[in-house]
C-alpha atoms as a PDB file:
ATOM      1  CA  MET A   1      29.733 -12.080  -5.325  1.00  0.00           C
ATOM      2  CA  ALA A   2      27.935 -15.048  -6.243  1.00  0.00           C
ATOM      3  CA  THR A   3      30.161 -17.739  -8.190  1.00  0.00           C
ATOM      4  CA  HIS A   4      27.325 -20.171  -9.115  1.00  0.00           C
ATOM      5  CA  LYS A   5      25.136 -19.390 -12.217  1.00  0.00           C
ATOM      6  CA  SER A   6      21.846 -19.967 -10.266  1.00  0.00           C
ATOM      7  CA  ALA A   7      23.344 -17.762  -7.667  1.00  0.00           C
ATOM      8  CA  GLU A   8      24.064 -15.104  -9.581  1.00  0.00           C
ATOM      9  CA  LYS A   9      20.287 -15.652 -11.111  1.00  0.00           C
ATOM     10  CA  ARG A  10      18.761 -15.396  -7.748  1.00  0.00           C
ATOM     11  CA  ASP A  11      20.609 -12.261  -6.850  1.00  0.00           C
ATOM     12  CA  ARG A  12      19.139 -10.506 -10.195  1.00  0.00           C
ATOM     13  CA  GLN A  13      15.493 -11.657  -9.346  1.00  0.00           C
ATOM     14  CA  SER A  14      15.793 -10.327  -5.574  1.00  0.00           C
ATOM     15  CA  LYS A  15      17.275  -7.100  -6.902  1.00  0.00           C
ATOM     16  CA  LYS A  16      14.083  -6.809  -9.407  1.00  0.00           C
ATOM     17  CA  ARG A  17      11.863  -7.783  -6.687  1.00  0.00           C
ATOM     18  CA  ARG A  18      12.978  -5.313  -4.425  1.00  0.00           C
ATOM     19  CA  GLU A  19      12.605  -2.517  -6.828  1.00  0.00           C
ATOM     20  CA  ARG A  20       9.226  -3.276  -7.589  1.00  0.00           C
ATOM     21  CA  ASN A  21       8.325  -3.648  -3.948  1.00  0.00           C
ATOM     22  CA  ILE A  22       9.892  -0.264  -3.048  1.00  0.00           C
ATOM     23  CA  ALA A  23       7.344   1.122  -6.010  1.00  0.00           C
ATOM     24  CA  ASP A  24       4.423  -0.670  -4.465  1.00  0.00           C
ATOM     25  CA  LYS A  25       5.115   0.584  -1.362  1.00  0.00           C
ATOM     26  CA  SER A  26       5.637   4.060  -2.260  1.00  0.00           C
ATOM     27  CA  THR A  27       2.182   4.097  -4.423  1.00  0.00           C
ATOM     28  CA  ILE A  28       0.608   2.767  -1.206  1.00  0.00           C
ATOM     29  CA  LYS A  29       1.608   5.437   1.074  1.00  0.00           C
ATOM     30  CA  THR A  30       0.884   7.919  -1.329  1.00  0.00           C
ATOM     31  CA  LYS A  31      -2.663   6.928  -1.556  1.00  0.00           C
ATOM     32  CA  VAL A  32      -2.922   6.688   2.131  1.00  0.00           C
ATOM     33  CA  LYS A  33      -1.865  10.355   2.476  1.00  0.00           C
ATOM     34  CA  SER A  34      -4.703  11.252  -0.053  1.00  0.00           C
ATOM     35  CA  VAL A  35      -6.880   9.706   2.161  1.00  0.00           C
ATOM     36  CA  LEU A  36      -5.815  11.767   5.202  1.00  0.00           C
ATOM     37  CA  ASN A  37      -5.302  14.704   3.195  1.00  0.00           C
ATOM     38  CA  ALA A  38      -9.052  14.463   2.055  1.00  0.00           C
ATOM     39  CA  VAL A  39     -10.207  13.648   5.537  1.00  0.00           C
ATOM     40  CA  GLU A  40      -8.380  16.478   6.918  1.00  0.00           C
ATOM     41  CA  SER A  41      -9.884  19.016   4.271  1.00  0.00           C
ATOM     42  CA  LYS A  42     -13.444  17.569   5.651  1.00  0.00           C
ATOM     43  CA  ASN A  43     -14.330  16.625   2.026  1.00  0.00           C
ATOM     44  CA  LYS A  44     -16.474  13.656   2.241  1.00  0.00           C
ATOM     45  CA  GLU A  45     -16.567  12.477  -1.309  1.00  0.00           C
ATOM     46  CA  ALA A  46     -13.160  12.761  -1.994  1.00  0.00           C
ATOM     47  CA  SER A  47     -12.136  10.799   1.177  1.00  0.00           C
ATOM     48  CA  ILE A  48     -14.503   7.888   0.355  1.00  0.00           C
ATOM     49  CA  GLN A  49     -13.270   8.268  -3.144  1.00  0.00           C
ATOM     50  CA  ALA A  50      -9.744   8.043  -2.215  1.00  0.00           C
ATOM     51  CA  LEU A  51     -10.609   5.154   0.125  1.00  0.00           C
ATOM     52  CA  LYS A  52     -12.234   3.409  -2.535  1.00  0.00           C
ATOM     53  CA  ASP A  53      -8.451   3.791  -4.722  1.00  0.00           C
ATOM     54  CA  VAL A  54      -6.577   2.914  -1.564  1.00  0.00           C
ATOM     55  CA  ILE A  55      -8.284  -0.299  -0.613  1.00  0.00           C
ATOM     56  CA  PRO A  56      -7.462  -2.616  -3.627  1.00  0.00           C
ATOM     57  CA  ALA A  57      -3.992  -1.490  -3.657  1.00  0.00           C
ATOM     58  CA  LEU A  58      -3.731  -2.306  -0.261  1.00  0.00           C
ATOM     59  CA  ASP A  59      -5.260  -5.617  -0.649  1.00  0.00           C
ATOM     60  CA  LYS A  60      -2.847  -6.531  -3.880  1.00  0.00           C
ATOM     61  CA  ALA A  61      -0.010  -5.842  -2.179  1.00  0.00           C
ATOM     62  CA  ALA A  62      -1.059  -7.817   0.774  1.00  0.00           C
ATOM     63  CA  VAL A  63      -1.538 -10.801  -1.590  1.00  0.00           C
ATOM     64  CA  LYS A  64       1.625 -10.362  -3.471  1.00  0.00           C
ATOM     65  CA  GLY A  65       3.833 -10.137  -0.024  1.00  0.00           C
ATOM     66  CA  VAL A  66       4.998  -6.746  -0.593  1.00  0.00           C
ATOM     67  CA  ILE A  67       3.075  -6.022   3.064  1.00  0.00           C
ATOM     68  CA  HIS A  68       1.851  -8.527   5.405  1.00  0.00           C
ATOM     69  CA  ARG A  69      -1.980  -9.105   5.411  1.00  0.00           C
ATOM     70  CA  LYS A  70      -2.594  -8.125   8.389  1.00  0.00           C
ATOM     71  CA  ASN A  71      -1.046  -4.765   8.153  1.00  0.00           C
ATOM     72  CA  ALA A  72      -3.383  -4.029   5.045  1.00  0.00           C
ATOM     73  CA  SER A  73      -6.071  -5.022   7.139  1.00  0.00           C
ATOM     74  CA  ARG A  74      -5.138  -2.647   9.718  1.00  0.00           C
ATOM     75  CA  LYS A  75      -4.603   0.046   7.546  1.00  0.00           C
ATOM     76  CA  ILE A  76      -7.827  -0.329   6.156  1.00  0.00           C
ATOM     77  CA  SER A  77      -9.608  -0.407   9.336  1.00  0.00           C
ATOM     78  CA  ARG A  78      -7.738   2.770  10.713  1.00  0.00           C
ATOM     79  CA  LEU A  79      -8.604   4.773   7.220  1.00  0.00           C
ATOM     80  CA  THR A  80     -12.220   3.542   7.150  1.00  0.00           C
ATOM     81  CA  LYS A  81     -12.529   4.521  11.136  1.00  0.00           C
ATOM     82  CA  LYS A  82     -11.219   7.808  10.230  1.00  0.00           C
ATOM     83  CA  ILE A  83     -13.578   8.733   7.333  1.00  0.00           C
ATOM     84  CA  ASN A  84     -16.544   7.619   9.286  1.00  0.00           C
ATOM     85  CA  ALA A  85     -15.790   9.464  12.721  1.00  0.00           C
ATOM     86  CA  PHE A  86     -15.692  12.903  10.546  1.00  0.00           C
ATOM     87  CA  GLN A  87     -18.544  11.801   8.440  1.00  0.00           C
ATOM     88  CA  SER A  88     -20.991  11.654  11.443  1.00  0.00           C
END
């Protein structure tokens, strides 16, 4: 347990950030699943629209430090690759 006032504040801040990061990660996972489901159902328009929704979310999470920027880049690349593979 923190004894200094500043340490207590840091503890509160880290808990707030942790909750926010967990929520952001959950949102990203949901959006990625929607892309994968659209690809599995072979729905071209839905998969492209879902990808357009997930790319900004991944980029924003990377900028905010929720996920690593290379992790975001890798996810975007793999999702795009899957969509391009089933379109051709």
